[in-house]
Structures are given as C-alpha cells and as structure tokens.
Amino acid sequence: QVQVVESGGGLVQAGGSLRLSCAASGFSFTSYAWFRQTPGKEREFVSSIRRNGGNTYYEESVKGRFTISRDNGANTIYLQLNSLKPEDTAVYYCAAGYGGGWPLFKTYEFAYWGQGTQVTVSS
C-alpha cells in the first residue's frame, strides 16, 4: 500500500524557519517533490529531488531560502524553509513519482500525493 504522509507545518513569524517531512512508502519511487496551494489558486511547484543522485530543482522564488533533501534509508524527504515570508503561506503537499526525465515539476509527473500540511507565516 502506497503512503505519502507530510508533517511539520505550523505557524511562524516572518523571517522564521520550519522543516517539513514527508514519509513515502509502498513503492520504489524515483523522484519526489513539494508543491503548495492557497485557496482559489492552482497548486504550484516548489521543489523536487531525485532519489538516486540527489539532483534538485527549485521554483525561482524559493531559491536560496528553501532546501530539499532526502534520506533514502528512511524513505523520507525534507523541505527546510528559511527566511519565510507571508506569501509562503499555503498548504504544502508532498508528491512521489516513478517517471524518468529531469527536472520534474508538473503535477501530472507525480502519481502519489500526501494530504498536505498547513504553513502559515505571520507578518
């Protein structure tokens, strides 16, 4: 049974940090990603990482502030969020996929999704 479960969201002041975790199990995924969504808007790409090799890819607005990483032994992916801004407020979703190619940053390129975790940044 495939499971993708996020954790680590919360409320933080602008300039603060959070670390999101994503436990993915039940399949040999090749890549993972984080997306985020606010009410009334489409889900947008944040960052992705390959399981083998650790290649990473970031949306422009989070470069230098967010860091994606993985622990293959624990089947866990992390997203370190630093220098948070109010516009980073969203529900953050972890996604896992098994497709080829790189970079991967479209929602349809990931087959499995978590339930989301809320990140709220106050000004």
PDB file of N, CA and C in Angstrom:
ATOM      1  N   GLN A   1       0.843  -1.182   0.000  1.00  0.00           N
ATOM      2  CA  GLN A   1       0.000   0.000   0.000  1.00  0.00           C
ATOM      3  C   GLN A   1       0.892   1.250   0.000  1.00  0.00           C
ATOM      4  N   VAL A   2       0.641   2.121  -0.960  1.00  0.00           N
ATOM      5  CA  VAL A   2       1.418   3.349  -1.063  1.00  0.00           C
ATOM      6  C   VAL A   2       0.911   4.375  -0.049  1.00  0.00           C
ATOM      7  N   GLN A   3       1.861   4.965   0.640  1.00  0.00           N
ATOM      8  CA  GLN A   3       1.508   6.021   1.586  1.00  0.00           C
ATOM      9  C   GLN A   3       2.479   7.181   1.435  1.00  0.00           C
ATOM     10  N   VAL A   4       1.936   8.383   1.415  1.00  0.00           N
ATOM     11  CA  VAL A   4       2.729   9.611   1.396  1.00  0.00           C
ATOM     12  C   VAL A   4       2.154  10.503   2.488  1.00  0.00           C
ATOM     13  N   VAL A   5       2.942  10.764   3.520  1.00  0.00           N
ATOM     14  CA  VAL A   5       2.424  11.468   4.686  1.00  0.00           C
ATOM     15  C   VAL A   5       3.351  12.621   5.058  1.00  0.00           C
ATOM     16  N   GLU A   6       2.792  13.835   5.050  1.00  0.00           N
ATOM     17  CA  GLU A   6       3.577  15.016   5.419  1.00  0.00           C
ATOM     18  C   GLU A   6       3.399  15.340   6.892  1.00  0.00           C
ATOM     19  N   SER A   7       4.378  16.061   7.419  1.00  0.00           N
ATOM     20  CA  SER A   7       4.276  16.583   8.775  1.00  0.00           C
ATOM     21  C   SER A   7       5.193  17.790   8.894  1.00  0.00           C
ATOM     22  N   GLY A   8       5.000  18.559   9.966  1.00  0.00           N
ATOM     23  CA  GLY A   8       5.922  19.641  10.252  1.00  0.00           C
ATOM     24  C   GLY A   8       5.426  21.042   9.986  1.00  0.00           C
ATOM     25  N   GLY A   9       4.217  21.174   9.480  1.00  0.00           N
ATOM     26  CA  GLY A   9       3.696  22.511   9.241  1.00  0.00           C
ATOM     27  C   GLY A   9       3.396  23.231  10.538  1.00  0.00           C
ATOM     28  N   GLY A  10       3.036  24.509  10.436  1.00  0.00           N
ATOM     29  CA  GLY A  10       2.705  25.263  11.624  1.00  0.00           C
ATOM     30  C   GLY A  10       2.665  26.750  11.362  1.00  0.00           C
ATOM     31  N   LEU A  11       2.614  27.502  12.443  1.00  0.00           N
ATOM     32  CA  LEU A  11       2.567  28.969  12.394  1.00  0.00           C
ATOM     33  C   LEU A  11       3.924  29.518  12.796  1.00  0.00           C
ATOM     34  N   VAL A  12       4.436  30.434  11.978  1.00  0.00           N
ATOM     35  CA  VAL A  12       5.749  31.009  12.248  1.00  0.00           C
ATOM     36  C   VAL A  12       5.729  32.474  11.839  1.00  0.00           C
ATOM     37  N   GLN A  13       6.542  33.273  12.471  1.00  0.00           N
ATOM     38  CA  GLN A  13       6.637  34.676  12.102  1.00  0.00           C
ATOM     39  C   GLN A  13       7.517  34.843  10.868  1.00  0.00           C
ATOM     40  N   ALA A  14       7.297  35.933  10.173  1.00  0.00           N
ATOM     41  CA  ALA A  14       8.122  36.238   9.007  1.00  0.00           C
ATOM     42  C   ALA A  14       9.594  36.251   9.405  1.00  0.00           C
ATOM     43  N   GLY A  15      10.411  35.655   8.553  1.00  0.00           N
ATOM     44  CA  GLY A  15      11.829  35.535   8.851  1.00  0.00           C
ATOM     45  C   GLY A  15      12.208  34.251   9.555  1.00  0.00           C
ATOM     46  N   GLY A  16      11.203  33.523  10.020  1.00  0.00           N
ATOM     47  CA  GLY A  16      11.447  32.298  10.751  1.00  0.00           C
ATOM     48  C   GLY A  16      11.654  31.099   9.841  1.00  0.00           C
ATOM     49  N   SER A  17      11.745  29.931  10.469  1.00  0.00           N
ATOM     50  CA  SER A  17      12.037  28.697   9.740  1.00  0.00           C
ATOM     51  C   SER A  17      11.098  27.579  10.158  1.00  0.00           C
ATOM     52  N   LEU A  18      10.904  26.648   9.256  1.00  0.00           N
ATOM     53  CA  LEU A  18      10.169  25.413   9.515  1.00  0.00           C
ATOM     54  C   LEU A  18      10.839  24.299   8.732  1.00  0.00           C
ATOM     55  N   ARG A  19      10.635  23.077   9.188  1.00  0.00           N
ATOM     56  CA  ARG A  19      11.112  21.915   8.455  1.00  0.00           C
ATOM     57  C   ARG A  19       9.953  20.967   8.241  1.00  0.00           C
ATOM     58  N   LEU A  20       9.653  20.723   6.991  1.00  0.00           N
ATOM     59  CA  LEU A  20       8.603  19.772   6.641  1.00  0.00           C
ATOM     60  C   LEU A  20       9.223  18.407   6.360  1.00  0.00           C
ATOM     61  N   SER A  21       8.503  17.361   6.732  1.00  0.00           N
ATOM     62  CA  SER A  21       8.933  15.997   6.469  1.00  0.00           C
ATOM     63  C   SER A  21       7.868  15.277   5.666  1.00  0.00           C
ATOM     64  N   CYS A  22       8.300  14.303   4.895  1.00  0.00           N
ATOM     65  CA  CYS A  22       7.378  13.503   4.087  1.00  0.00           C
ATOM     66  C   CYS A  22       7.857  12.054   4.096  1.00  0.00           C
ATOM     67  N   ALA A  23       7.056  11.182   4.628  1.00  0.00           N
ATOM     68  CA  ALA A  23       7.369   9.762   4.646  1.00  0.00           C
ATOM     69  C   ALA A  23       6.627   9.091   3.503  1.00  0.00           C
ATOM     70  N   ALA A  24       7.379   8.497   2.572  1.00  0.00           N
ATOM     71  CA  ALA A  24       6.791   7.851   1.406  1.00  0.00           C
ATOM     72  C   ALA A  24       7.149   6.369   1.424  1.00  0.00           C
ATOM     73  N   SER A  25       6.159   5.519   1.295  1.00  0.00           N
ATOM     74  CA  SER A  25       6.419   4.086   1.374  1.00  0.00           C
ATOM     75  C   SER A  25       5.490   3.319   0.439  1.00  0.00           C
ATOM     76  N   GLY A  26       5.838   2.058   0.199  1.00  0.00           N
ATOM     77  CA  GLY A  26       4.979   1.178  -0.575  1.00  0.00           C
ATOM     78  C   GLY A  26       5.320   1.077  -2.043  1.00  0.00           C
ATOM     79  N   PHE A  27       6.353   1.795  -2.485  1.00  0.00           N
ATOM     80  CA  PHE A  27       6.731   1.746  -3.898  1.00  0.00           C
ATOM     81  C   PHE A  27       8.143   2.258  -4.043  1.00  0.00           C
ATOM     82  N   SER A  28       8.815   1.844  -5.113  1.00  0.00           N
ATOM     83  CA  SER A  28      10.176   2.330  -5.381  1.00  0.00           C
ATOM     84  C   SER A  28      10.102   3.600  -6.209  1.00  0.00           C
ATOM     85  N   PHE A  29       9.896   4.708  -5.550  1.00  0.00           N
ATOM     86  CA  PHE A  29       9.790   5.982  -6.227  1.00  0.00           C
ATOM     87  C   PHE A  29      11.155   6.427  -6.740  1.00  0.00           C
ATOM     88  N   THR A  30      11.152   7.186  -7.822  1.00  0.00           N
ATOM     89  CA  THR A  30      12.412   7.706  -8.361  1.00  0.00           C
ATOM     90  C   THR A  30      12.586   9.193  -8.093  1.00  0.00           C
ATOM     91  N   SER A  31      11.497   9.882  -7.804  1.00  0.00           N
ATOM     92  CA  SER A  31      11.593  11.312  -7.570  1.00  0.00           C
ATOM     93  C   SER A  31      10.489  11.767  -6.625  1.00  0.00           C
ATOM     94  N   TYR A  32      10.742  12.890  -5.982  1.00  0.00           N
ATOM     95  CA  TYR A  32       9.815  13.457  -5.013  1.00  0.00           C
ATOM     96  C   TYR A  32       9.746  14.965  -5.238  1.00  0.00           C
ATOM     97  N   ALA A  33       8.675  15.543  -4.747  1.00  0.00           N
ATOM     98  CA  ALA A  33       8.533  16.985  -4.908  1.00  0.00           C
ATOM     99  C   ALA A  33       7.673  17.553  -3.803  1.00  0.00           C
ATOM    100  N   TRP A  34       7.794  18.854  -3.654  1.00  0.00           N
ATOM    101  CA  TRP A  34       6.904  19.631  -2.807  1.00  0.00           C
ATOM    102  C   TRP A  34       6.177  20.648  -3.680  1.00  0.00           C
ATOM    103  N   PHE A  35       4.878  20.725  -3.477  1.00  0.00           N
ATOM    104  CA  PHE A  35       4.040  21.726  -4.107  1.00  0.00           C
ATOM    105  C   PHE A  35       3.320  22.480  -2.991  1.00  0.00           C
ATOM    106  N   ARG A  36       2.711  23.604  -3.352  1.00  0.00           N
ATOM    107  CA  ARG A  36       1.913  24.333  -2.373  1.00  0.00           C
ATOM    108  C   ARG A  36       0.692  24.945  -3.050  1.00  0.00           C
ATOM    109  N   GLN A  37      -0.314  25.194  -2.231  1.00  0.00           N
ATOM    110  CA  GLN A  37      -1.558  25.701  -2.779  1.00  0.00           C
ATOM    111  C   GLN A  37      -2.239  26.616  -1.783  1.00  0.00           C
ATOM    112  N   THR A  38      -2.771  27.724  -2.293  1.00  0.00           N
ATOM    113  CA  THR A  38      -3.574  28.644  -1.487  1.00  0.00           C
ATOM    114  C   THR A  38      -4.996  28.632  -2.042  1.00  0.00           C
ATOM    115  N   PRO A  39      -5.971  29.020  -1.239  1.00  0.00           N
ATOM    116  CA  PRO A  39      -7.376  28.967  -1.678  1.00  0.00           C
ATOM    117  C   PRO A  39      -7.608  29.745  -2.968  1.00  0.00           C
ATOM    118  N   GLY A  40      -8.278  29.101  -3.894  1.00  0.00           N
ATOM    119  CA  GLY A  40      -8.624  29.748  -5.153  1.00  0.00           C
ATOM    120  C   GLY A  40      -7.525  29.746  -6.195  1.00  0.00           C
ATOM    121  N   LYS A  41      -6.383  29.179  -5.864  1.00  0.00           N
ATOM    122  CA  LYS A  41      -5.275  29.143  -6.819  1.00  0.00           C
ATOM    123  C   LYS A  41      -4.894  27.716  -7.141  1.00  0.00           C
ATOM    124  N   GLU A  42      -4.224  27.559  -8.274  1.00  0.00           N
ATOM    125  CA  GLU A  42      -3.750  26.240  -8.652  1.00  0.00           C
ATOM    126  C   GLU A  42      -2.562  25.833  -7.789  1.00  0.00           C
ATOM    127  N   ARG A  43      -2.393  24.525  -7.680  1.00  0.00           N
ATOM    128  CA  ARG A  43      -1.246  24.005  -6.943  1.00  0.00           C
ATOM    129  C   ARG A  43       0.022  24.378  -7.705  1.00  0.00           C
ATOM    130  N   GLU A  44       1.001  24.917  -6.980  1.00  0.00           N
ATOM    131  CA  GLU A  44       2.218  25.356  -7.652  1.00  0.00           C
ATOM    132  C   GLU A  44       3.443  24.595  -7.151  1.00  0.00           C
ATOM    133  N   PHE A  45       4.371  24.431  -8.047  1.00  0.00           N
ATOM    134  CA  PHE A  45       5.605  23.703  -7.766  1.00  0.00           C
ATOM    135  C   PHE A  45       6.501  24.503  -6.828  1.00  0.00           C
ATOM    136  N   VAL A  46       7.163  23.799  -5.914  1.00  0.00           N
ATOM    137  CA  VAL A  46       8.127  24.420  -5.009  1.00  0.00           C
ATOM    138  C   VAL A  46       9.528  23.866  -5.259  1.00  0.00           C
ATOM    139  N   SER A  47       9.659  22.534  -5.180  1.00  0.00           N
ATOM    140  CA  SER A  47      10.974  21.933  -5.314  1.00  0.00           C
ATOM    141  C   SER A  47      10.832  20.448  -5.587  1.00  0.00           C
ATOM    142  N   SER A  48      11.842  19.855  -6.243  1.00  0.00           N
ATOM    143  CA  SER A  48      11.848  18.411  -6.480  1.00  0.00           C
ATOM    144  C   SER A  48      13.257  17.864  -6.312  1.00  0.00           C
ATOM    145  N   ILE A  49      13.316  16.552  -6.111  1.00  0.00           N
ATOM    146  CA  ILE A  49      14.592  15.878  -5.887  1.00  0.00           C
ATOM    147  C   ILE A  49      14.519  14.461  -6.428  1.00  0.00           C
ATOM    148  N   ARG A  50      15.610  14.013  -6.996  1.00  0.00           N
ATOM    149  CA  ARG A  50      15.701  12.638  -7.460  1.00  0.00           C
ATOM    150  C   ARG A  50      16.187  11.745  -6.314  1.00  0.00           C
ATOM    151  N   ARG A  51      15.623  10.541  -6.242  1.00  0.00           N
ATOM    152  CA  ARG A  51      16.024   9.607  -5.202  1.00  0.00           C
ATOM    153  C   ARG A  51      17.496   9.217  -5.375  1.00  0.00           C
ATOM    154  N   ASN A  52      17.888   8.854  -6.593  1.00  0.00           N
ATOM    155  CA  ASN A  52      19.268   8.465  -6.874  1.00  0.00           C
ATOM    156  C   ASN A  52      20.010   9.657  -7.470  1.00  0.00           C
ATOM    157  N   GLY A  53      21.096  10.003  -6.862  1.00  0.00           N
ATOM    158  CA  GLY A  53      21.878  11.135  -7.346  1.00  0.00           C
ATOM    159  C   GLY A  53      21.594  12.419  -6.609  1.00  0.00           C
ATOM    160  N   GLY A  54      20.373  12.559  -6.103  1.00  0.00           N
ATOM    161  CA  GLY A  54      20.051  13.737  -5.310  1.00  0.00           C
ATOM    162  C   GLY A  54      19.919  15.033  -6.078  1.00  0.00           C
ATOM    163  N   ASN A  55      19.737  14.961  -7.409  1.00  0.00           N
ATOM    164  CA  ASN A  55      19.529  16.189  -8.176  1.00  0.00           C
ATOM    165  C   ASN A  55      18.350  16.959  -7.598  1.00  0.00           C
ATOM    166  N   THR A  56      18.484  18.278  -7.544  1.00  0.00           N
ATOM    167  CA  THR A  56      17.410  19.107  -7.006  1.00  0.00           C
ATOM    168  C   THR A  56      17.013  20.189  -8.001  1.00  0.00           C
ATOM    169  N   TYR A  57      15.795  20.675  -7.833  1.00  0.00           N
ATOM    170  CA  TYR A  57      15.262  21.715  -8.706  1.00  0.00           C
ATOM    171  C   TYR A  57      14.332  22.581  -7.880  1.00  0.00           C
ATOM    172  N   TYR A  58      14.394  23.901  -8.085  1.00  0.00           N
ATOM    173  CA  TYR A  58      13.614  24.821  -7.254  1.00  0.00           C
ATOM    174  C   TYR A  58      12.849  25.821  -8.096  1.00  0.00           C
ATOM    175  N   GLU A  59      11.697  26.187  -7.593  1.00  0.00           N
ATOM    176  CA  GLU A  59      10.971  27.310  -8.158  1.00  0.00           C
ATOM    177  C   GLU A  59      11.754  28.571  -7.812  1.00  0.00           C
ATOM    178  N   GLU A  60      11.745  29.526  -8.712  1.00  0.00           N
ATOM    179  CA  GLU A  60      12.629  30.686  -8.582  1.00  0.00           C
ATOM    180  C   GLU A  60      12.461  31.442  -7.273  1.00  0.00           C
ATOM    181  N   SER A  61      11.241  31.615  -6.816  1.00  0.00           N
ATOM    182  CA  SER A  61      11.005  32.464  -5.639  1.00  0.00           C
ATOM    183  C   SER A  61      11.493  31.845  -4.325  1.00  0.00           C
ATOM    184  N   VAL A  62      11.807  30.554  -4.331  1.00  0.00           N
ATOM    185  CA  VAL A  62      12.266  29.910  -3.097  1.00  0.00           C
ATOM    186  C   VAL A  62      13.749  29.583  -3.121  1.00  0.00           C
ATOM    187  N   LYS A  63      14.390  29.810  -4.244  1.00  0.00           N
ATOM    188  CA  LYS A  63      15.826  29.527  -4.331  1.00  0.00           C
ATOM    189  C   LYS A  63      16.586  30.332  -3.278  1.00  0.00           C
ATOM    190  N   GLY A  64      17.505  29.661  -2.608  1.00  0.00           N
ATOM    191  CA  GLY A  64      18.294  30.317  -1.571  1.00  0.00           C
ATOM    192  C   GLY A  64      17.610  30.381  -0.213  1.00  0.00           C
ATOM    193  N   ARG A  65      16.321  30.076  -0.172  1.00  0.00           N
ATOM    194  CA  ARG A  65      15.592  30.090   1.107  1.00  0.00           C
ATOM    195  C   ARG A  65      15.132  28.690   1.509  1.00  0.00           C
ATOM    196  N   PHE A  66      14.726  27.882   0.569  1.00  0.00           N
ATOM    197  CA  PHE A  66      14.243  26.524   0.845  1.00  0.00           C
ATOM    198  C   PHE A  66      15.293  25.515   0.390  1.00  0.00           C
ATOM    199  N   THR A  67      15.374  24.410   1.114  1.00  0.00           N
ATOM    200  CA  THR A  67      16.289  23.339   0.744  1.00  0.00           C
ATOM    201  C   THR A  67      15.570  22.001   0.832  1.00  0.00           C
ATOM    202  N   ILE A  68      15.587  21.260  -0.254  1.00  0.00           N
ATOM    203  CA  ILE A  68      15.002  19.931  -0.280  1.00  0.00           C
ATOM    204  C   ILE A  68      16.107  18.901  -0.078  1.00  0.00           C
ATOM    205  N   SER A  69      15.800  17.846   0.653  1.00  0.00           N
ATOM    206  CA  SER A  69      16.777  16.784   0.879  1.00  0.00           C
ATOM    207  C   SER A  69      16.036  15.473   1.054  1.00  0.00           C
ATOM    208  N   ARG A  70      16.794  14.361   1.027  1.00  0.00           N
ATOM    209  CA  ARG A  70      16.150  13.068   1.219  1.00  0.00           C
ATOM    210  C   ARG A  70      17.040  12.161   2.040  1.00  0.00           C
ATOM    211  N   ASP A  71      16.388  11.243   2.718  1.00  0.00           N
ATOM    212  CA  ASP A  71      17.050  10.171   3.449  1.00  0.00           C
ATOM    213  C   ASP A  71      16.513   8.878   2.853  1.00  0.00           C
ATOM    214  N   ASN A  72      17.261   8.305   1.925  1.00  0.00           N
ATOM    215  CA  ASN A  72      16.767   7.125   1.215  1.00  0.00           C
ATOM    216  C   ASN A  72      16.520   5.947   2.154  1.00  0.00           C
ATOM    217  N   GLY A  73      17.362   5.812   3.160  1.00  0.00           N
ATOM    218  CA  GLY A  73      17.198   4.692   4.081  1.00  0.00           C
ATOM    219  C   GLY A  73      15.886   4.770   4.852  1.00  0.00           C
ATOM    220  N   ALA A  74      15.467   5.988   5.128  1.00  0.00           N
ATOM    221  CA  ALA A  74      14.237   6.196   5.887  1.00  0.00           C
ATOM    222  C   ALA A  74      13.057   6.485   4.981  1.00  0.00           C
ATOM    223  N   ASN A  75      13.279   6.501   3.664  1.00  0.00           N
ATOM    224  CA  ASN A  75      12.208   6.840   2.711  1.00  0.00           C
ATOM    225  C   ASN A  75      11.518   8.143   3.102  1.00  0.00           C
ATOM    226  N   THR A  76      12.327   9.123   3.454  1.00  0.00           N
ATOM    227  CA  THR A  76      11.795  10.397   3.927  1.00  0.00           C
ATOM    228  C   THR A  76      12.407  11.550   3.145  1.00  0.00           C
ATOM    229  N   ILE A  77      11.573  12.518   2.860  1.00  0.00           N
ATOM    230  CA  ILE A  77      12.005  13.714   2.160  1.00  0.00           C
ATOM    231  C   ILE A  77      11.754  14.907   3.080  1.00  0.00           C
ATOM    232  N   TYR A  78      12.623  15.869   2.998  1.00  0.00           N
ATOM    233  CA  TYR A  78      12.513  17.036   3.852  1.00  0.00           C
ATOM    234  C   TYR A  78      12.474  18.306   3.011  1.00  0.00           C
ATOM    235  N   LEU A  79      11.841  19.314   3.556  1.00  0.00           N
ATOM    236  CA  LEU A  79      11.905  20.642   2.969  1.00  0.00           C
ATOM    237  C   LEU A  79      12.183  21.620   4.105  1.00  0.00           C
ATOM    238  N   GLN A  80      13.387  22.172   4.090  1.00  0.00           N
ATOM    239  CA  GLN A  80      13.760  23.185   5.073  1.00  0.00           C
ATOM    240  C   GLN A  80      13.356  24.549   4.525  1.00  0.00           C
ATOM    241  N   LEU A  81      12.517  25.249   5.280  1.00  0.00           N
ATOM    242  CA  LEU A  81      12.017  26.548   4.859  1.00  0.00           C
ATOM    243  C   LEU A  81      12.639  27.616   5.757  1.00  0.00           C
ATOM    244  N   ASN A  82      13.488  28.441   5.186  1.00  0.00           N
ATOM    245  CA  ASN A  82      14.133  29.532   5.929  1.00  0.00           C
ATOM    246  C   ASN A  82      13.684  30.876   5.369  1.00  0.00           C
ATOM    247  N   SER A  83      13.918  31.913   6.159  1.00  0.00           N
ATOM    248  CA  SER A  83      13.570  33.278   5.740  1.00  0.00           C
ATOM    249  C   SER A  83      12.149  33.344   5.200  1.00  0.00           C
ATOM    250  N   LEU A  84      11.227  32.776   5.933  1.00  0.00           N
ATOM    251  CA  LEU A  84       9.851  32.679   5.467  1.00  0.00           C
ATOM    252  C   LEU A  84       9.190  34.042   5.333  1.00  0.00           C
ATOM    253  N   LYS A  85       8.334  34.140   4.346  1.00  0.00           N
ATOM    254  CA  LYS A  85       7.596  35.371   4.062  1.00  0.00           C
ATOM    255  C   LYS A  85       6.099  35.081   4.144  1.00  0.00           C
ATOM    256  N   PRO A  86       5.283  36.099   4.405  1.00  0.00           N
ATOM    257  CA  PRO A  86       3.834  35.865   4.455  1.00  0.00           C
ATOM    258  C   PRO A  86       3.303  35.223   3.171  1.00  0.00           C
ATOM    259  N   GLU A  87       3.894  35.529   2.044  1.00  0.00           N
ATOM    260  CA  GLU A  87       3.429  34.941   0.778  1.00  0.00           C
ATOM    261  C   GLU A  87       3.777  33.461   0.642  1.00  0.00           C
ATOM    262  N   ASP A  88       4.549  32.921   1.571  1.00  0.00           N
ATOM    263  CA  ASP A  88       4.810  31.474   1.584  1.00  0.00           C
ATOM    264  C   ASP A  88       3.674  30.705   2.261  1.00  0.00           C
ATOM    265  N   THR A  89       2.734  31.420   2.845  1.00  0.00           N
ATOM    266  CA  THR A  89       1.599  30.773   3.492  1.00  0.00           C
ATOM    267  C   THR A  89       0.810  29.954   2.486  1.00  0.00           C
ATOM    268  N   ALA A  90       0.623  28.678   2.797  1.00  0.00           N
ATOM    269  CA  ALA A  90      -0.069  27.766   1.889  1.00  0.00           C
ATOM    270  C   ALA A  90      -0.174  26.399   2.544  1.00  0.00           C
ATOM    271  N   VAL A  91      -0.942  25.529   1.915  1.00  0.00           N
ATOM    272  CA  VAL A  91      -0.893  24.113   2.254  1.00  0.00           C
ATOM    273  C   VAL A  91       0.208  23.499   1.389  1.00  0.00           C
ATOM    274  N   TYR A  92       1.139  22.831   2.019  1.00  0.00           N
ATOM    275  CA  TYR A  92       2.262  22.229   1.313  1.00  0.00           C
ATOM    276  C   TYR A  92       1.999  20.734   1.150  1.00  0.00           C
ATOM    277  N   TYR A  93       2.163  20.263  -0.084  1.00  0.00           N
ATOM    278  CA  TYR A  93       1.906  18.879  -0.418  1.00  0.00           C
ATOM    279  C   TYR A  93       3.200  18.193  -0.860  1.00  0.00           C
ATOM    280  N   CYS A  94       3.388  16.993  -0.384  1.00  0.00           N
ATOM    281  CA  CYS A  94       4.481  16.145  -0.846  1.00  0.00           C
ATOM    282  C   CYS A  94       3.948  15.224  -1.937  1.00  0.00           C
ATOM    283  N   ALA A  95       4.777  14.995  -2.938  1.00  0.00           N
ATOM    284  CA  ALA A  95       4.380  14.121  -4.037  1.00  0.00           C
ATOM    285  C   ALA A  95       5.518  13.172  -4.375  1.00  0.00           C
ATOM    286  N   ALA A  96       5.159  11.987  -4.836  1.00  0.00           N
ATOM    287  CA  ALA A  96       6.154  10.980  -5.195  1.00  0.00           C
ATOM    288  C   ALA A  96       5.823  10.409  -6.568  1.00  0.00           C
ATOM    289  N   GLY A  97       6.859  10.126  -7.344  1.00  0.00           N
ATOM    290  CA  GLY A  97       6.634   9.603  -8.685  1.00  0.00           C
ATOM    291  C   GLY A  97       7.684   8.603  -9.092  1.00  0.00           C
ATOM    292  N   TYR A  98       7.467   7.986 -10.263  1.00  0.00           N
ATOM    293  CA  TYR A  98       8.395   6.962 -10.755  1.00  0.00           C
ATOM    294  C   TYR A  98       8.741   7.176 -12.220  1.00  0.00           C
ATOM    295  N   GLY A  99       8.521   8.393 -12.695  1.00  0.00           N
ATOM    296  CA  GLY A  99       8.828   8.677 -14.089  1.00  0.00           C
ATOM    297  C   GLY A  99      10.289   8.994 -14.313  1.00  0.00           C
ATOM    298  N   GLY A 100      10.687   9.004 -15.594  1.00  0.00           N
ATOM    299  CA  GLY A 100      12.036   9.373 -15.965  1.00  0.00           C
ATOM    300  C   GLY A 100      12.114  10.829 -16.336  1.00  0.00           C
ATOM    301  N   GLY A 101      13.290  11.254 -16.732  1.00  0.00           N
ATOM    302  CA  GLY A 101      13.461  12.644 -17.130  1.00  0.00           C
ATOM    303  C   GLY A 101      13.778  13.532 -15.949  1.00  0.00           C
ATOM    304  N   TRP A 102      14.301  14.687 -16.269  1.00  0.00           N
ATOM    305  CA  TRP A 102      14.645  15.674 -15.245  1.00  0.00           C
ATOM    306  C   TRP A 102      14.840  17.018 -15.909  1.00  0.00           C
ATOM    307  N   PRO A 103      14.398  18.124 -15.275  1.00  0.00           N
ATOM    308  CA  PRO A 103      13.716  18.156 -13.980  1.00  0.00           C
ATOM    309  C   PRO A 103      12.242  17.796 -14.100  1.00  0.00           C
ATOM    310  N   LEU A 104      11.676  17.411 -13.002  1.00  0.00           N
ATOM    311  CA  LEU A 104      10.265  17.133 -12.903  1.00  0.00           C
ATOM    312  C   LEU A 104       9.627  18.204 -12.036  1.00  0.00           C
ATOM    313  N   PHE A 105       8.573  18.868 -12.545  1.00  0.00           N
ATOM    314  CA  PHE A 105       7.974  19.959 -11.788  1.00  0.00           C
ATOM    315  C   PHE A 105       6.504  20.189 -12.129  1.00  0.00           C
ATOM    316  N   LYS A 106       5.905  19.263 -12.835  1.00  0.00           N
ATOM    317  CA  LYS A 106       4.485  19.354 -13.169  1.00  0.00           C
ATOM    318  C   LYS A 106       3.706  18.408 -12.284  1.00  0.00           C
ATOM    319  N   THR A 107       2.483  18.806 -11.908  1.00  0.00           N
ATOM    320  CA  THR A 107       1.692  17.960 -11.018  1.00  0.00           C
ATOM    321  C   THR A 107       1.443  16.583 -11.625  1.00  0.00           C
ATOM    322  N   TYR A 108       1.243  16.506 -12.947  1.00  0.00           N
ATOM    323  CA  TYR A 108       0.942  15.225 -13.566  1.00  0.00           C
ATOM    324  C   TYR A 108       2.145  14.284 -13.629  1.00  0.00           C
ATOM    325  N   GLU A 109       3.322  14.791 -13.299  1.00  0.00           N
ATOM    326  CA  GLU A 109       4.517  13.947 -13.307  1.00  0.00           C
ATOM    327  C   GLU A 109       4.682  13.174 -12.001  1.00  0.00           C
ATOM    328  N   PHE A 110       3.779  13.402 -11.057  1.00  0.00           N
ATOM    329  CA  PHE A 110       3.851  12.716  -9.768  1.00  0.00           C
ATOM    330  C   PHE A 110       2.537  11.974  -9.521  1.00  0.00           C
ATOM    331  N   ALA A 111       2.669  10.681  -9.212  1.00  0.00           N
ATOM    332  CA  ALA A 111       1.491   9.827  -9.144  1.00  0.00           C
ATOM    333  C   ALA A 111       0.841   9.790  -7.769  1.00  0.00           C
ATOM    334  N   TYR A 112       1.602  10.022  -6.733  1.00  0.00           N
ATOM    335  CA  TYR A 112       1.081   9.863  -5.380  1.00  0.00           C
ATOM    336  C   TYR A 112       1.286  11.150  -4.590  1.00  0.00           C
ATOM    337  N   TRP A 113       0.268  11.459  -3.796  1.00  0.00           N
ATOM    338  CA  TRP A 113       0.249  12.722  -3.064  1.00  0.00           C
ATOM    339  C   TRP A 113      -0.126  12.506  -1.610  1.00  0.00           C
ATOM    340  N   GLY A 114       0.437  13.364  -0.759  1.00  0.00           N
ATOM    341  CA  GLY A 114       0.037  13.369   0.631  1.00  0.00           C
ATOM    342  C   GLY A 114      -1.189  14.235   0.845  1.00  0.00           C
ATOM    343  N   GLN A 115      -1.603  14.328   2.081  1.00  0.00           N
ATOM    344  CA  GLN A 115      -2.829  15.048   2.405  1.00  0.00           C
ATOM    345  C   GLN A 115      -2.593  16.543   2.615  1.00  0.00           C
ATOM    346  N   GLY A 116      -1.337  16.945   2.712  1.00  0.00           N
ATOM    347  CA  GLY A 116      -0.997  18.346   2.865  1.00  0.00           C
ATOM    348  C   GLY A 116      -0.776  18.750   4.313  1.00  0.00           C
ATOM    349  N   THR A 117       0.056  19.757   4.498  1.00  0.00           N
ATOM    350  CA  THR A 117       0.312  20.310   5.819  1.00  0.00           C
ATOM    351  C   THR A 117       0.327  21.839   5.704  1.00  0.00           C
ATOM    352  N   GLN A 118      -0.347  22.502   6.626  1.00  0.00           N
ATOM    353  CA  GLN A 118      -0.517  23.948   6.557  1.00  0.00           C
ATOM    354  C   GLN A 118       0.716  24.660   7.086  1.00  0.00           C
ATOM    355  N   VAL A 119       1.186  25.628   6.313  1.00  0.00           N
ATOM    356  CA  VAL A 119       2.245  26.536   6.742  1.00  0.00           C
ATOM    357  C   VAL A 119       1.663  27.943   6.729  1.00  0.00           C
ATOM    358  N   THR A 120       1.711  28.608   7.873  1.00  0.00           N
ATOM    359  CA  THR A 120       1.199  29.966   7.981  1.00  0.00           C
ATOM    360  C   THR A 120       2.312  30.872   8.486  1.00  0.00           C
ATOM    361  N   VAL A 121       2.585  31.923   7.724  1.00  0.00           N
ATOM    362  CA  VAL A 121       3.635  32.878   8.079  1.00  0.00           C
ATOM    363  C   VAL A 121       2.986  34.215   8.397  1.00  0.00           C
ATOM    364  N   SER A 122       3.144  34.659   9.618  1.00  0.00           N
ATOM    365  CA  SER A 122       2.546  35.934  10.031  1.00  0.00           C
ATOM    366  C   SER A 122       3.525  37.076   9.828  1.00  0.00           C
ATOM    367  N   SER A 123       2.977  38.239   9.531  1.00  0.00           N
ATOM    368  CA  SER A 123       3.843  39.405   9.285  1.00  0.00           C
ATOM    369  C   SER A 123       4.109  40.183  10.559  1.00  0.00           C
TER     370      SER A 123
END
